[in-house]
Amino acid sequence: MSPPKYVDLIALAAALAIFLLGGFPLLGYAAAAAVWLAQRGLQMLANRRMREHLAAGNRQKAMGIVAGTTLGRVWLMATVVLLVGLAERESGLAAAVLLAALFTISFAAQGISHLLEQPEGQGAA
């Protein structure tokens, strides 16, 4: 059994309760949630384009899309944390911690999912 595909979004929803109960700055949560959802949308679009290019046999273009969007998504999140931190220091810290946690959860889930998936062409015995 693989981890849920959207475990990071479940963690994002759970973080709202933690922010509300813990009295953490909601500006930090809102900024982190907005940029996380935006970067997830970019990731989904990039994965779709990557699969299209791989199906067409263009591996170099596919890897370029993955590399470019990965770097762009990181810069997007870092820029939002910086801007929120300049506006309100505690909110920037809260956003940075939440994004670091979401990234860690997402990265771990992707790694576990990759390890547990069956190679193509092999079904369950």
PDB file of N, CA and C in Angstrom:
ATOM      1  N   MET A   1       0.844  -1.190   0.000  1.00  0.00           N
ATOM      2  CA  MET A   1       0.000   0.000   0.000  1.00  0.00           C
ATOM      3  C   MET A   1       0.881   1.241   0.000  1.00  0.00           C
ATOM      4  N   SER A   2       0.611   2.149  -0.897  1.00  0.00           N
ATOM      5  CA  SER A   2       1.424   3.364  -0.981  1.00  0.00           C
ATOM      6  C   SER A   2       0.780   4.487  -0.168  1.00  0.00           C
ATOM      7  N   PRO A   3       1.584   5.486   0.211  1.00  0.00           N
ATOM      8  CA  PRO A   3       1.021   6.614   0.962  1.00  0.00           C
ATOM      9  C   PRO A   3       0.073   7.407   0.068  1.00  0.00           C
ATOM     10  N   PRO A   4      -0.829   8.150   0.681  1.00  0.00           N
ATOM     11  CA  PRO A   4      -1.750   8.954  -0.141  1.00  0.00           C
ATOM     12  C   PRO A   4      -0.985   9.910  -1.049  1.00  0.00           C
ATOM     13  N   LYS A   5      -1.519  10.065  -2.252  1.00  0.00           N
ATOM     14  CA  LYS A   5      -0.872  10.934  -3.239  1.00  0.00           C
ATOM     15  C   LYS A   5      -0.860  12.388  -2.772  1.00  0.00           C
ATOM     16  N   TYR A   6      -1.853  12.754  -2.002  1.00  0.00           N
ATOM     17  CA  TYR A   6      -1.983  14.143  -1.572  1.00  0.00           C
ATOM     18  C   TYR A   6      -1.796  14.286  -0.066  1.00  0.00           C
ATOM     19  N   VAL A   7      -0.861  13.548   0.512  1.00  0.00           N
ATOM     20  CA  VAL A   7      -0.645  13.581   1.958  1.00  0.00           C
ATOM     21  C   VAL A   7      -0.203  14.978   2.412  1.00  0.00           C
ATOM     22  N   ASP A   8       0.486  15.709   1.565  1.00  0.00           N
ATOM     23  CA  ASP A   8       0.898  17.063   1.919  1.00  0.00           C
ATOM     24  C   ASP A   8      -0.302  17.999   2.055  1.00  0.00           C
ATOM     25  N   LEU A   9      -1.336  17.768   1.247  1.00  0.00           N
ATOM     26  CA  LEU A   9      -2.540  18.603   1.353  1.00  0.00           C
ATOM     27  C   LEU A   9      -3.328  18.267   2.613  1.00  0.00           C
ATOM     28  N   ILE A  10      -3.278  17.008   3.025  1.00  0.00           N
ATOM     29  CA  ILE A  10      -3.900  16.621   4.292  1.00  0.00           C
ATOM     30  C   ILE A  10      -3.167  17.304   5.445  1.00  0.00           C
ATOM     31  N   ALA A  11      -1.840  17.325   5.370  1.00  0.00           N
ATOM     32  CA  ALA A  11      -1.038  18.000   6.396  1.00  0.00           C
ATOM     33  C   ALA A  11      -1.305  19.504   6.400  1.00  0.00           C
ATOM     34  N   LEU A  12      -1.511  20.088   5.234  1.00  0.00           N
ATOM     35  CA  LEU A  12      -1.825  21.518   5.148  1.00  0.00           C
ATOM     36  C   LEU A  12      -3.150  21.823   5.843  1.00  0.00           C
ATOM     37  N   ALA A  13      -4.138  20.961   5.629  1.00  0.00           N
ATOM     38  CA  ALA A  13      -5.433  21.155   6.295  1.00  0.00           C
ATOM     39  C   ALA A  13      -5.295  20.984   7.806  1.00  0.00           C
ATOM     40  N   ALA A  14      -4.512  20.005   8.235  1.00  0.00           N
ATOM     41  CA  ALA A  14      -4.301  19.796   9.673  1.00  0.00           C
ATOM     42  C   ALA A  14      -3.543  20.968  10.294  1.00  0.00           C
ATOM     43  N   ALA A  15      -2.664  21.575   9.526  1.00  0.00           N
ATOM     44  CA  ALA A  15      -1.895  22.708  10.038  1.00  0.00           C
ATOM     45  C   ALA A  15      -2.788  23.898  10.362  1.00  0.00           C
ATOM     46  N   LEU A  16      -3.914  24.023   9.665  1.00  0.00           N
ATOM     47  CA  LEU A  16      -4.833  25.118   9.976  1.00  0.00           C
ATOM     48  C   LEU A  16      -5.322  25.006  11.417  1.00  0.00           C
ATOM     49  N   ALA A  17      -5.673  23.801  11.835  1.00  0.00           N
ATOM     50  CA  ALA A  17      -6.116  23.596  13.225  1.00  0.00           C
ATOM     51  C   ALA A  17      -4.989  23.933  14.192  1.00  0.00           C
ATOM     52  N   ILE A  18      -3.783  23.543  13.858  1.00  0.00           N
ATOM     53  CA  ILE A  18      -2.639  23.834  14.734  1.00  0.00           C
ATOM     54  C   ILE A  18      -2.417  25.339  14.822  1.00  0.00           C
ATOM     55  N   PHE A  19      -2.522  26.036  13.713  1.00  0.00           N
ATOM     56  CA  PHE A  19      -2.344  27.492  13.709  1.00  0.00           C
ATOM     57  C   PHE A  19      -3.435  28.170  14.528  1.00  0.00           C
ATOM     58  N   LEU A  20      -4.671  27.706  14.386  1.00  0.00           N
ATOM     59  CA  LEU A  20      -5.776  28.314  15.124  1.00  0.00           C
ATOM     60  C   LEU A  20      -5.665  28.047  16.623  1.00  0.00           C
ATOM     61  N   LEU A  21      -5.405  26.803  16.980  1.00  0.00           N
ATOM     62  CA  LEU A  21      -5.322  26.446  18.398  1.00  0.00           C
ATOM     63  C   LEU A  21      -4.057  26.988  19.056  1.00  0.00           C
ATOM     64  N   GLY A  22      -2.965  27.065  18.294  1.00  0.00           N
ATOM     65  CA  GLY A  22      -1.699  27.527  18.850  1.00  0.00           C
ATOM     66  C   GLY A  22      -1.530  29.029  18.854  1.00  0.00           C
ATOM     67  N   GLY A  23      -2.444  29.741  18.230  1.00  0.00           N
ATOM     68  CA  GLY A  23      -2.340  31.194  18.188  1.00  0.00           C
ATOM     69  C   GLY A  23      -1.221  31.692  17.281  1.00  0.00           C
ATOM     70  N   PHE A  24      -0.843  30.893  16.303  1.00  0.00           N
ATOM     71  CA  PHE A  24       0.196  31.308  15.366  1.00  0.00           C
ATOM     72  C   PHE A  24      -0.388  32.281  14.340  1.00  0.00           C
ATOM     73  N   PRO A  25       0.449  33.101  13.719  1.00  0.00           N
ATOM     74  CA  PRO A  25      -0.046  34.112  12.778  1.00  0.00           C
ATOM     75  C   PRO A  25      -0.724  33.483  11.553  1.00  0.00           C
ATOM     76  N   LEU A  26      -1.966  33.865  11.339  1.00  0.00           N
ATOM     77  CA  LEU A  26      -2.721  33.324  10.215  1.00  0.00           C
ATOM     78  C   LEU A  26      -2.238  33.874   8.874  1.00  0.00           C
ATOM     79  N   LEU A  27      -1.583  35.031   8.902  1.00  0.00           N
ATOM     80  CA  LEU A  27      -0.980  35.541   7.664  1.00  0.00           C
ATOM     81  C   LEU A  27       0.079  34.565   7.164  1.00  0.00           C
ATOM     82  N   GLY A  28       0.848  34.013   8.074  1.00  0.00           N
ATOM     83  CA  GLY A  28       1.860  33.025   7.703  1.00  0.00           C
ATOM     84  C   GLY A  28       1.227  31.780   7.117  1.00  0.00           C
ATOM     85  N   TYR A  29       0.132  31.327   7.732  1.00  0.00           N
ATOM     86  CA  TYR A  29      -0.562  30.154   7.206  1.00  0.00           C
ATOM     87  C   TYR A  29      -1.145  30.448   5.827  1.00  0.00           C
ATOM     88  N   ALA A  30      -1.805  31.585   5.689  1.00  0.00           N
ATOM     89  CA  ALA A  30      -2.444  31.928   4.417  1.00  0.00           C
ATOM     90  C   ALA A  30      -1.413  32.036   3.292  1.00  0.00           C
ATOM     91  N   ALA A  31      -0.290  32.675   3.574  1.00  0.00           N
ATOM     92  CA  ALA A  31       0.755  32.818   2.557  1.00  0.00           C
ATOM     93  C   ALA A  31       1.339  31.459   2.186  1.00  0.00           C
ATOM     94  N   ALA A  32       1.627  30.649   3.196  1.00  0.00           N
ATOM     95  CA  ALA A  32       2.198  29.327   2.937  1.00  0.00           C
ATOM     96  C   ALA A  32       1.205  28.451   2.180  1.00  0.00           C
ATOM     97  N   ALA A  33      -0.059  28.490   2.577  1.00  0.00           N
ATOM     98  CA  ALA A  33      -1.073  27.674   1.903  1.00  0.00           C
ATOM     99  C   ALA A  33      -1.239  28.105   0.452  1.00  0.00           C
ATOM    100  N   ALA A  34      -1.277  29.404   0.217  1.00  0.00           N
ATOM    101  CA  ALA A  34      -1.456  29.902  -1.152  1.00  0.00           C
ATOM    102  C   ALA A  34      -0.284  29.505  -2.046  1.00  0.00           C
ATOM    103  N   VAL A  35       0.930  29.692  -1.566  1.00  0.00           N
ATOM    104  CA  VAL A  35       2.085  29.374  -2.395  1.00  0.00           C
ATOM    105  C   VAL A  35       2.242  27.863  -2.536  1.00  0.00           C
ATOM    106  N   TRP A  36       1.862  27.094  -1.511  1.00  0.00           N
ATOM    107  CA  TRP A  36       1.958  25.637  -1.631  1.00  0.00           C
ATOM    108  C   TRP A  36       0.985  25.115  -2.687  1.00  0.00           C
ATOM    109  N   LEU A  37      -0.238  25.635  -2.666  1.00  0.00           N
ATOM    110  CA  LEU A  37      -1.222  25.203  -3.656  1.00  0.00           C
ATOM    111  C   LEU A  37      -0.814  25.634  -5.061  1.00  0.00           C
ATOM    112  N   ALA A  38      -0.236  26.820  -5.168  1.00  0.00           N
ATOM    113  CA  ALA A  38       0.227  27.297  -6.475  1.00  0.00           C
ATOM    114  C   ALA A  38       1.359  26.422  -7.007  1.00  0.00           C
ATOM    115  N   GLN A  39       2.307  26.102  -6.160  1.00  0.00           N
ATOM    116  CA  GLN A  39       3.425  25.288  -6.633  1.00  0.00           C
ATOM    117  C   GLN A  39       2.990  23.865  -6.922  1.00  0.00           C
ATOM    118  N   ARG A  40       1.972  23.362  -6.204  1.00  0.00           N
ATOM    119  CA  ARG A  40       1.445  22.028  -6.513  1.00  0.00           C
ATOM    120  C   ARG A  40       0.775  22.028  -7.892  1.00  0.00           C
ATOM    121  N   GLY A  41       0.072  23.108  -8.204  1.00  0.00           N
ATOM    122  CA  GLY A  41      -0.535  23.221  -9.528  1.00  0.00           C
ATOM    123  C   GLY A  41       0.527  23.252 -10.621  1.00  0.00           C
ATOM    124  N   LEU A  42       1.598  24.007 -10.399  1.00  0.00           N
ATOM    125  CA  LEU A  42       2.704  24.044 -11.354  1.00  0.00           C
ATOM    126  C   LEU A  42       3.344  22.668 -11.500  1.00  0.00           C
ATOM    127  N   GLN A  43       3.474  21.959 -10.392  1.00  0.00           N
ATOM    128  CA  GLN A  43       4.055  20.618 -10.427  1.00  0.00           C
ATOM    129  C   GLN A  43       3.186  19.665 -11.254  1.00  0.00           C
ATOM    130  N   MET A  44       1.887  19.742 -11.089  1.00  0.00           N
ATOM    131  CA  MET A  44       0.990  18.877 -11.844  1.00  0.00           C
ATOM    132  C   MET A  44       1.078  19.173 -13.345  1.00  0.00           C
ATOM    133  N   LEU A  45       1.096  20.460 -13.698  1.00  0.00           N
ATOM    134  CA  LEU A  45       1.229  20.834 -15.112  1.00  0.00           C
ATOM    135  C   LEU A  45       2.566  20.376 -15.689  1.00  0.00           C
ATOM    136  N   ALA A  46       3.621  20.541 -14.908  1.00  0.00           N
ATOM    137  CA  ALA A  46       4.951  20.127 -15.375  1.00  0.00           C
ATOM    138  C   ALA A  46       5.015  18.616 -15.558  1.00  0.00           C
ATOM    139  N   ASN A  47       4.403  17.864 -14.645  1.00  0.00           N
ATOM    140  CA  ASN A  47       4.401  16.402 -14.783  1.00  0.00           C
ATOM    141  C   ASN A  47       3.639  15.965 -16.021  1.00  0.00           C
ATOM    142  N   ARG A  48       2.549  16.637 -16.308  1.00  0.00           N
ATOM    143  CA  ARG A  48       1.780  16.319 -17.511  1.00  0.00           C
ATOM    144  C   ARG A  48       2.614  16.583 -18.773  1.00  0.00           C
ATOM    145  N   ARG A  49       3.261  17.734 -18.808  1.00  0.00           N
ATOM    146  CA  ARG A  49       4.108  18.065 -19.967  1.00  0.00           C
ATOM    147  C   ARG A  49       5.284  17.104 -20.082  1.00  0.00           C
ATOM    148  N   MET A  50       5.857  16.732 -18.925  1.00  0.00           N
ATOM    149  CA  MET A  50       6.978  15.801 -18.930  1.00  0.00           C
ATOM    150  C   MET A  50       6.551  14.457 -19.527  1.00  0.00           C
ATOM    151  N   ARG A  51       5.392  13.944 -19.122  1.00  0.00           N
ATOM    152  CA  ARG A  51       4.902  12.666 -19.660  1.00  0.00           C
ATOM    153  C   ARG A  51       4.662  12.749 -21.167  1.00  0.00           C
ATOM    154  N   GLU A  52       4.141  13.880 -21.624  1.00  0.00           N
ATOM    155  CA  GLU A  52       3.921  14.066 -23.059  1.00  0.00           C
ATOM    156  C   GLU A  52       5.238  13.997 -23.830  1.00  0.00           C
ATOM    157  N   HIS A  53       6.266  14.684 -23.308  1.00  0.00           N
ATOM    158  CA  HIS A  53       7.551  14.683 -23.990  1.00  0.00           C
ATOM    159  C   HIS A  53       8.224  13.315 -23.913  1.00  0.00           C
ATOM    160  N   LEU A  54       8.064  12.620 -22.798  1.00  0.00           N
ATOM    161  CA  LEU A  54       8.630  11.270 -22.702  1.00  0.00           C
ATOM    162  C   LEU A  54       7.939  10.320 -23.671  1.00  0.00           C
ATOM    163  N   ALA A  55       6.624  10.452 -23.796  1.00  0.00           N
ATOM    164  CA  ALA A  55       5.881   9.602 -24.742  1.00  0.00           C
ATOM    165  C   ALA A  55       6.323   9.865 -26.178  1.00  0.00           C
ATOM    166  N   ALA A  56       6.720  11.103 -26.457  1.00  0.00           N
ATOM    167  CA  ALA A  56       7.187  11.452 -27.797  1.00  0.00           C
ATOM    168  C   ALA A  56       8.665  11.099 -27.994  1.00  0.00           C
ATOM    169  N   GLY A  57       9.313  10.583 -26.938  1.00  0.00           N
ATOM    170  CA  GLY A  57      10.714  10.188 -27.040  1.00  0.00           C
ATOM    171  C   GLY A  57      11.706  11.313 -26.827  1.00  0.00           C
ATOM    172  N   ASN A  58      11.261  12.447 -26.313  1.00  0.00           N
ATOM    173  CA  ASN A  58      12.137  13.596 -26.104  1.00  0.00           C
ATOM    174  C   ASN A  58      12.514  13.691 -24.626  1.00  0.00           C
ATOM    175  N   ARG A  59      13.477  12.865 -24.216  1.00  0.00           N
ATOM    176  CA  ARG A  59      13.887  12.802 -22.803  1.00  0.00           C
ATOM    177  C   ARG A  59      14.551  14.087 -22.337  1.00  0.00           C
ATOM    178  N   GLN A  60      15.345  14.705 -23.198  1.00  0.00           N
ATOM    179  CA  GLN A  60      16.058  15.913 -22.811  1.00  0.00           C
ATOM    180  C   GLN A  60      15.075  17.048 -22.489  1.00  0.00           C
ATOM    181  N   LYS A  61      14.075  17.215 -23.304  1.00  0.00           N
ATOM    182  CA  LYS A  61      13.058  18.247 -23.058  1.00  0.00           C
ATOM    183  C   LYS A  61      12.291  17.941 -21.776  1.00  0.00           C
ATOM    184  N   ALA A  62      11.967  16.672 -21.548  1.00  0.00           N
ATOM    185  CA  ALA A  62      11.240  16.272 -20.347  1.00  0.00           C
ATOM    186  C   ALA A  62      12.046  16.587 -19.089  1.00  0.00           C
ATOM    187  N   MET A  63      13.330  16.275 -19.103  1.00  0.00           N
ATOM    188  CA  MET A  63      14.170  16.545 -17.931  1.00  0.00           C
ATOM    189  C   MET A  63      14.377  18.051 -17.732  1.00  0.00           C
ATOM    190  N   GLY A  64      14.423  18.795 -18.823  1.00  0.00           N
ATOM    191  CA  GLY A  64      14.524  20.245 -18.716  1.00  0.00           C
ATOM    192  C   GLY A  64      13.298  20.843 -18.051  1.00  0.00           C
ATOM    193  N   ILE A  65      12.129  20.312 -18.370  1.00  0.00           N
ATOM    194  CA  ILE A  65      10.891  20.787 -17.748  1.00  0.00           C
ATOM    195  C   ILE A  65      10.910  20.498 -16.256  1.00  0.00           C
ATOM    196  N   VAL A  66      11.309  19.296 -15.892  1.00  0.00           N
ATOM    197  CA  VAL A  66      11.372  18.920 -14.470  1.00  0.00           C
ATOM    198  C   VAL A  66      12.354  19.823 -13.723  1.00  0.00           C
ATOM    199  N   ALA A  67      13.545  20.000 -14.278  1.00  0.00           N
ATOM    200  CA  ALA A  67      14.560  20.820 -13.609  1.00  0.00           C
ATOM    201  C   ALA A  67      14.117  22.281 -13.481  1.00  0.00           C
ATOM    202  N   GLY A  68      13.615  22.832 -14.565  1.00  0.00           N
ATOM    203  CA  GLY A  68      13.195  24.235 -14.544  1.00  0.00           C
ATOM    204  C   GLY A  68      12.056  24.509 -13.588  1.00  0.00           C
ATOM    205  N   THR A  69      11.052  23.658 -13.598  1.00  0.00           N
ATOM    206  CA  THR A  69       9.915  23.894 -12.703  1.00  0.00           C
ATOM    207  C   THR A  69      10.274  23.627 -11.250  1.00  0.00           C
ATOM    208  N   THR A  70      11.170  22.686 -11.006  1.00  0.00           N
ATOM    209  CA  THR A  70      11.596  22.432  -9.626  1.00  0.00           C
ATOM    210  C   THR A  70      12.283  23.656  -9.055  1.00  0.00           C
ATOM    211  N   LEU A  71      13.217  24.205  -9.802  1.00  0.00           N
ATOM    212  CA  LEU A  71      13.905  25.412  -9.334  1.00  0.00           C
ATOM    213  C   LEU A  71      12.943  26.595  -9.211  1.00  0.00           C
ATOM    214  N   GLY A  72      12.061  26.744 -10.177  1.00  0.00           N
ATOM    215  CA  GLY A  72      11.093  27.836 -10.136  1.00  0.00           C
ATOM    216  C   GLY A  72      10.162  27.745  -8.938  1.00  0.00           C
ATOM    217  N   ARG A  73       9.730  26.538  -8.600  1.00  0.00           N
ATOM    218  CA  ARG A  73       8.830  26.363  -7.453  1.00  0.00           C
ATOM    219  C   ARG A  73       9.541  26.710  -6.149  1.00  0.00           C
ATOM    220  N   VAL A  74      10.807  26.329  -6.029  1.00  0.00           N
ATOM    221  CA  VAL A  74      11.571  26.658  -4.818  1.00  0.00           C
ATOM    222  C   VAL A  74      11.736  28.175  -4.694  1.00  0.00           C
ATOM    223  N   TRP A  75      12.070  28.826  -5.808  1.00  0.00           N
ATOM    224  CA  TRP A  75      12.221  30.287  -5.777  1.00  0.00           C
ATOM    225  C   TRP A  75      10.897  30.976  -5.451  1.00  0.00           C
ATOM    226  N   LEU A  76       9.809  30.457  -5.966  1.00  0.00           N
ATOM    227  CA  LEU A  76       8.499  31.029  -5.669  1.00  0.00           C
ATOM    228  C   LEU A  76       8.215  30.971  -4.172  1.00  0.00           C
ATOM    229  N   MET A  77       8.438  29.813  -3.567  1.00  0.00           N
ATOM    230  CA  MET A  77       8.179  29.674  -2.124  1.00  0.00           C
ATOM    231  C   MET A  77       9.112  30.559  -1.308  1.00  0.00           C
ATOM    232  N   ALA A  78      10.388  30.611  -1.682  1.00  0.00           N
ATOM    233  CA  ALA A  78      11.347  31.432  -0.945  1.00  0.00           C
ATOM    234  C   ALA A  78      10.994  32.915  -1.042  1.00  0.00           C
ATOM    235  N   THR A  79      10.549  33.343  -2.205  1.00  0.00           N
ATOM    236  CA  THR A  79      10.172  34.747  -2.388  1.00  0.00           C
ATOM    237  C   THR A  79       8.967  35.108  -1.519  1.00  0.00           C
ATOM    238  N   VAL A  80       7.985  34.232  -1.467  1.00  0.00           N
ATOM    239  CA  VAL A  80       6.808  34.500  -0.637  1.00  0.00           C
ATOM    240  C   VAL A  80       7.194  34.569   0.830  1.00  0.00           C
ATOM    241  N   VAL A  81       8.039  33.655   1.298  1.00  0.00           N
ATOM    242  CA  VAL A  81       8.482  33.689   2.699  1.00  0.00           C
ATOM    243  C   VAL A  81       9.222  34.988   2.982  1.00  0.00           C
ATOM    244  N   LEU A  82      10.077  35.404   2.071  1.00  0.00           N
ATOM    245  CA  LEU A  82      10.819  36.655   2.250  1.00  0.00           C
ATOM    246  C   LEU A  82       9.876  37.849   2.330  1.00  0.00           C
ATOM    247  N   LEU A  83       8.927  37.933   1.403  1.00  0.00           N
ATOM    248  CA  LEU A  83       7.999  39.074   1.400  1.00  0.00           C
ATOM    249  C   LEU A  83       7.114  39.102   2.641  1.00  0.00           C
ATOM    250  N   VAL A  84       6.628  37.949   3.046  1.00  0.00           N
ATOM    251  CA  VAL A  84       5.791  37.894   4.252  1.00  0.00           C
ATOM    252  C   VAL A  84       6.640  38.220   5.476  1.00  0.00           C
ATOM    253  N   GLY A  85       7.865  37.728   5.508  1.00  0.00           N
ATOM    254  CA  GLY A  85       8.755  38.021   6.630  1.00  0.00           C
ATOM    255  C   GLY A  85       9.110  39.493   6.725  1.00  0.00           C
ATOM    256  N   LEU A  86       9.234  40.160   5.583  1.00  0.00           N
ATOM    257  CA  LEU A  86       9.500  41.602   5.609  1.00  0.00           C
ATOM    258  C   LEU A  86       8.295  42.378   6.115  1.00  0.00           C
ATOM    259  N   ALA A  87       7.101  41.875   5.791  1.00  0.00           N
ATOM    260  CA  ALA A  87       5.881  42.551   6.238  1.00  0.00           C
ATOM    261  C   ALA A  87       5.631  42.310   7.721  1.00  0.00           C
ATOM    262  N   GLU A  88       5.798  41.082   8.151  1.00  0.00           N
ATOM    263  CA  GLU A  88       5.564  40.731   9.554  1.00  0.00           C
ATOM    264  C   GLU A  88       6.458  39.548   9.900  1.00  0.00           C
ATOM    265  N   ARG A  89       7.444  39.797  10.715  1.00  0.00           N
ATOM    266  CA  ARG A  89       8.498  38.826  10.993  1.00  0.00           C
ATOM    267  C   ARG A  89       7.976  37.468  11.466  1.00  0.00           C
ATOM    268  N   GLU A  90       7.049  37.468  12.432  1.00  0.00           N
ATOM    269  CA  GLU A  90       6.529  36.211  12.974  1.00  0.00           C
ATOM    270  C   GLU A  90       5.750  35.420  11.925  1.00  0.00           C
ATOM    271  N   SER A  91       5.046  36.131  11.062  1.00  0.00           N
ATOM    272  CA  SER A  91       4.298  35.459   9.995  1.00  0.00           C
ATOM    273  C   SER A  91       5.244  34.814   8.988  1.00  0.00           C
ATOM    274  N   GLY A  92       6.333  35.478   8.686  1.00  0.00           N
ATOM    275  CA  GLY A  92       7.327  34.910   7.774  1.00  0.00           C
ATOM    276  C   GLY A  92       7.948  33.648   8.339  1.00  0.00           C
ATOM    277  N   LEU A  93       8.238  33.670   9.642  1.00  0.00           N
ATOM    278  CA  LEU A  93       8.791  32.479  10.283  1.00  0.00           C
ATOM    279  C   LEU A  93       7.777  31.339  10.269  1.00  0.00           C
ATOM    280  N   ALA A  94       6.528  31.651  10.570  1.00  0.00           N
ATOM    281  CA  ALA A  94       5.481  30.622  10.566  1.00  0.00           C
ATOM    282  C   ALA A  94       5.316  30.030   9.164  1.00  0.00           C
ATOM    283  N   ALA A  95       5.336  30.872   8.154  1.00  0.00           N
ATOM    284  CA  ALA A  95       5.219  30.389   6.776  1.00  0.00           C
ATOM    285  C   ALA A  95       6.407  29.515   6.403  1.00  0.00           C
ATOM    286  N   ALA A  96       7.600  29.929   6.806  1.00  0.00           N
ATOM    287  CA  ALA A  96       8.802  29.155   6.478  1.00  0.00           C
ATOM    288  C   ALA A  96       8.777  27.783   7.142  1.00  0.00           C
ATOM    289  N   VAL A  97       8.378  27.726   8.397  1.00  0.00           N
ATOM    290  CA  VAL A  97       8.324  26.448   9.107  1.00  0.00           C
ATOM    291  C   VAL A  97       7.264  25.544   8.489  1.00  0.00           C
ATOM    292  N   LEU A  98       6.106  26.105   8.177  1.00  0.00           N
ATOM    293  CA  LEU A  98       5.044  25.301   7.571  1.00  0.00           C
ATOM    294  C   LEU A  98       5.473  24.781   6.200  1.00  0.00           C
ATOM    295  N   LEU A  99       6.087  25.617   5.381  1.00  0.00           N
ATOM    296  CA  LEU A  99       6.533  25.172   4.055  1.00  0.00           C
ATOM    297  C   LEU A  99       7.631  24.116   4.160  1.00  0.00           C
ATOM    298  N   ALA A 100       8.521  24.262   5.128  1.00  0.00           N
ATOM    299  CA  ALA A 100       9.569  23.250   5.318  1.00  0.00           C
ATOM    300  C   ALA A 100       8.943  21.909   5.707  1.00  0.00           C
ATOM    301  N   ALA A 101       7.943  21.953   6.582  1.00  0.00           N
ATOM    302  CA  ALA A 101       7.265  20.714   6.990  1.00  0.00           C
ATOM    303  C   ALA A 101       6.517  20.093   5.812  1.00  0.00           C
ATOM    304  N   LEU A 102       5.808  20.913   5.045  1.00  0.00           N
ATOM    305  CA  LEU A 102       5.071  20.399   3.889  1.00  0.00           C
ATOM    306  C   LEU A 102       6.014  19.806   2.847  1.00  0.00           C
ATOM    307  N   PHE A 103       7.132  20.469   2.610  1.00  0.00           N
ATOM    308  CA  PHE A 103       8.101  19.955   1.641  1.00  0.00           C
ATOM    309  C   PHE A 103       8.655  18.609   2.097  1.00  0.00           C
ATOM    310  N   THR A 104       8.981  18.518   3.386  1.00  0.00           N
ATOM    311  CA  THR A 104       9.524  17.268   3.927  1.00  0.00           C
ATOM    312  C   THR A 104       8.511  16.138   3.800  1.00  0.00           C
ATOM    313  N   ILE A 105       7.267  16.411   4.140  1.00  0.00           N
ATOM    314  CA  ILE A 105       6.214  15.398   4.040  1.00  0.00           C
ATOM    315  C   ILE A 105       6.017  14.981   2.588  1.00  0.00           C
ATOM    316  N   SER A 106       5.953  15.945   1.700  1.00  0.00           N
ATOM    317  CA  SER A 106       5.743  15.667   0.285  1.00  0.00           C
ATOM    318  C   SER A 106       6.909  14.867  -0.297  1.00  0.00           C
ATOM    319  N   PHE A 107       8.121  15.266   0.022  1.00  0.00           N
ATOM    320  CA  PHE A 107       9.316  14.596  -0.491  1.00  0.00           C
ATOM    321  C   PHE A 107       9.376  13.156   0.014  1.00  0.00           C
ATOM    322  N   ALA A 108       9.090  12.948   1.303  1.00  0.00           N
ATOM    323  CA  ALA A 108       9.105  11.600   1.871  1.00  0.00           C
ATOM    324  C   ALA A 108       8.020  10.733   1.239  1.00  0.00           C
ATOM    325  N   ALA A 109       6.834  11.277   1.044  1.00  0.00           N
ATOM    326  CA  ALA A 109       5.740  10.514   0.444  1.00  0.00           C
ATOM    327  C   ALA A 109       6.071  10.131  -0.992  1.00  0.00           C
ATOM    328  N   GLN A 110       6.684  11.040  -1.749  1.00  0.00           N
ATOM    329  CA  GLN A 110       7.071  10.725  -3.123  1.00  0.00           C
ATOM    330  C   GLN A 110       8.135   9.631  -3.150  1.00  0.00           C
ATOM    331  N   GLY A 111       9.079   9.690  -2.228  1.00  0.00           N
ATOM    332  CA  GLY A 111      10.122   8.673  -2.167  1.00  0.00           C
ATOM    333  C   GLY A 111       9.566   7.307  -1.807  1.00  0.00           C
ATOM    334  N   ILE A 112       8.684   7.276  -0.820  1.00  0.00           N
ATOM    335  CA  ILE A 112       8.072   6.016  -0.414  1.00  0.00           C
ATOM    336  C   ILE A 112       7.204   5.466  -1.537  1.00  0.00           C
ATOM    337  N   SER A 113       6.454   6.325  -2.170  1.00  0.00           N
ATOM    338  CA  SER A 113       5.607   5.900  -3.281  1.00  0.00           C
ATOM    339  C   SER A 113       6.443   5.315  -4.414  1.00  0.00           C
ATOM    340  N   HIS A 114       7.559   5.950  -4.698  1.00  0.00           N
ATOM    341  CA  HIS A 114       8.447   5.461  -5.765  1.00  0.00           C
ATOM    342  C   HIS A 114       9.018   4.088  -5.410  1.00  0.00           C
ATOM    343  N   LEU A 115       9.375   3.900  -4.146  1.00  0.00           N
ATOM    344  CA  LEU A 115       9.930   2.615  -3.718  1.00  0.00           C
ATOM    345  C   LEU A 115       8.895   1.498  -3.760  1.00  0.00           C
ATOM    346  N   LEU A 116       7.639   1.832  -3.504  1.00  0.00           N
ATOM    347  CA  LEU A 116       6.600   0.816  -3.412  1.00  0.00           C
ATOM    348  C   LEU A 116       5.906   0.516  -4.740  1.00  0.00           C
ATOM    349  N   GLU A 117       6.056   1.384  -5.725  1.00  0.00           N
ATOM    350  CA  GLU A 117       5.354   1.144  -6.989  1.00  0.00           C
ATOM    351  C   GLU A 117       6.013  -0.002  -7.743  1.00  0.00           C
ATOM    352  N   GLN A 118       5.175  -0.732  -8.464  1.00  0.00           N
ATOM    353  CA  GLN A 118       5.656  -1.875  -9.231  1.00  0.00           C
ATOM    354  C   GLN A 118       6.191  -1.397 -10.573  1.00  0.00           C
ATOM    355  N   PRO A 119       7.251  -2.041 -11.060  1.00  0.00           N
ATOM    356  CA  PRO A 119       7.739  -1.682 -12.399  1.00  0.00           C
ATOM    357  C   PRO A 119       6.662  -1.934 -13.432  1.00  0.00           C
ATOM    358  N   GLU A 120       6.691  -1.134 -14.514  1.00  0.00           N
ATOM    359  CA  GLU A 120       5.700  -1.283 -15.573  1.00  0.00           C
ATOM    360  C   GLU A 120       5.784  -2.676 -16.175  1.00  0.00           C
ATOM    361  N   GLY A 121       4.610  -3.215 -16.487  1.00  0.00           N
ATOM    362  CA  GLY A 121       4.563  -4.524 -17.116  1.00  0.00           C
ATOM    363  C   GLY A 121       4.492  -5.668 -16.129  1.00  0.00           C
ATOM    364  N   GLN A 122       4.617  -5.386 -14.833  1.00  0.00           N
ATOM    365  CA  GLN A 122       4.535  -6.440 -13.825  1.00  0.00           C
ATOM    366  C   GLN A 122       3.303  -6.209 -12.980  1.00  0.00           C
ATOM    367  N   GLY A 123       2.415  -7.152 -12.965  1.00  0.00           N
ATOM    368  CA  GLY A 123       1.213  -7.052 -12.154  1.00  0.00           C
ATOM    369  C   GLY A 123       1.411  -7.781 -10.841  1.00  0.00           C
ATOM    370  N   ALA A 124       0.420  -7.680  -9.991  1.00  0.00           N
ATOM    371  CA  ALA A 124       0.470  -8.394  -8.724  1.00  0.00           C
ATOM    372  C   ALA A 124       0.320  -9.875  -8.986  1.00  0.00           C
ATOM    373  N   ALA A 125       1.084 -10.688  -8.272  1.00  0.00           N
ATOM    374  CA  ALA A 125       1.040 -12.139  -8.464  1.00  0.00           C
ATOM    375  C   ALA A 125      -0.102 -12.776  -7.718  1.00  0.00           C
TER     376      ALA A 125
END
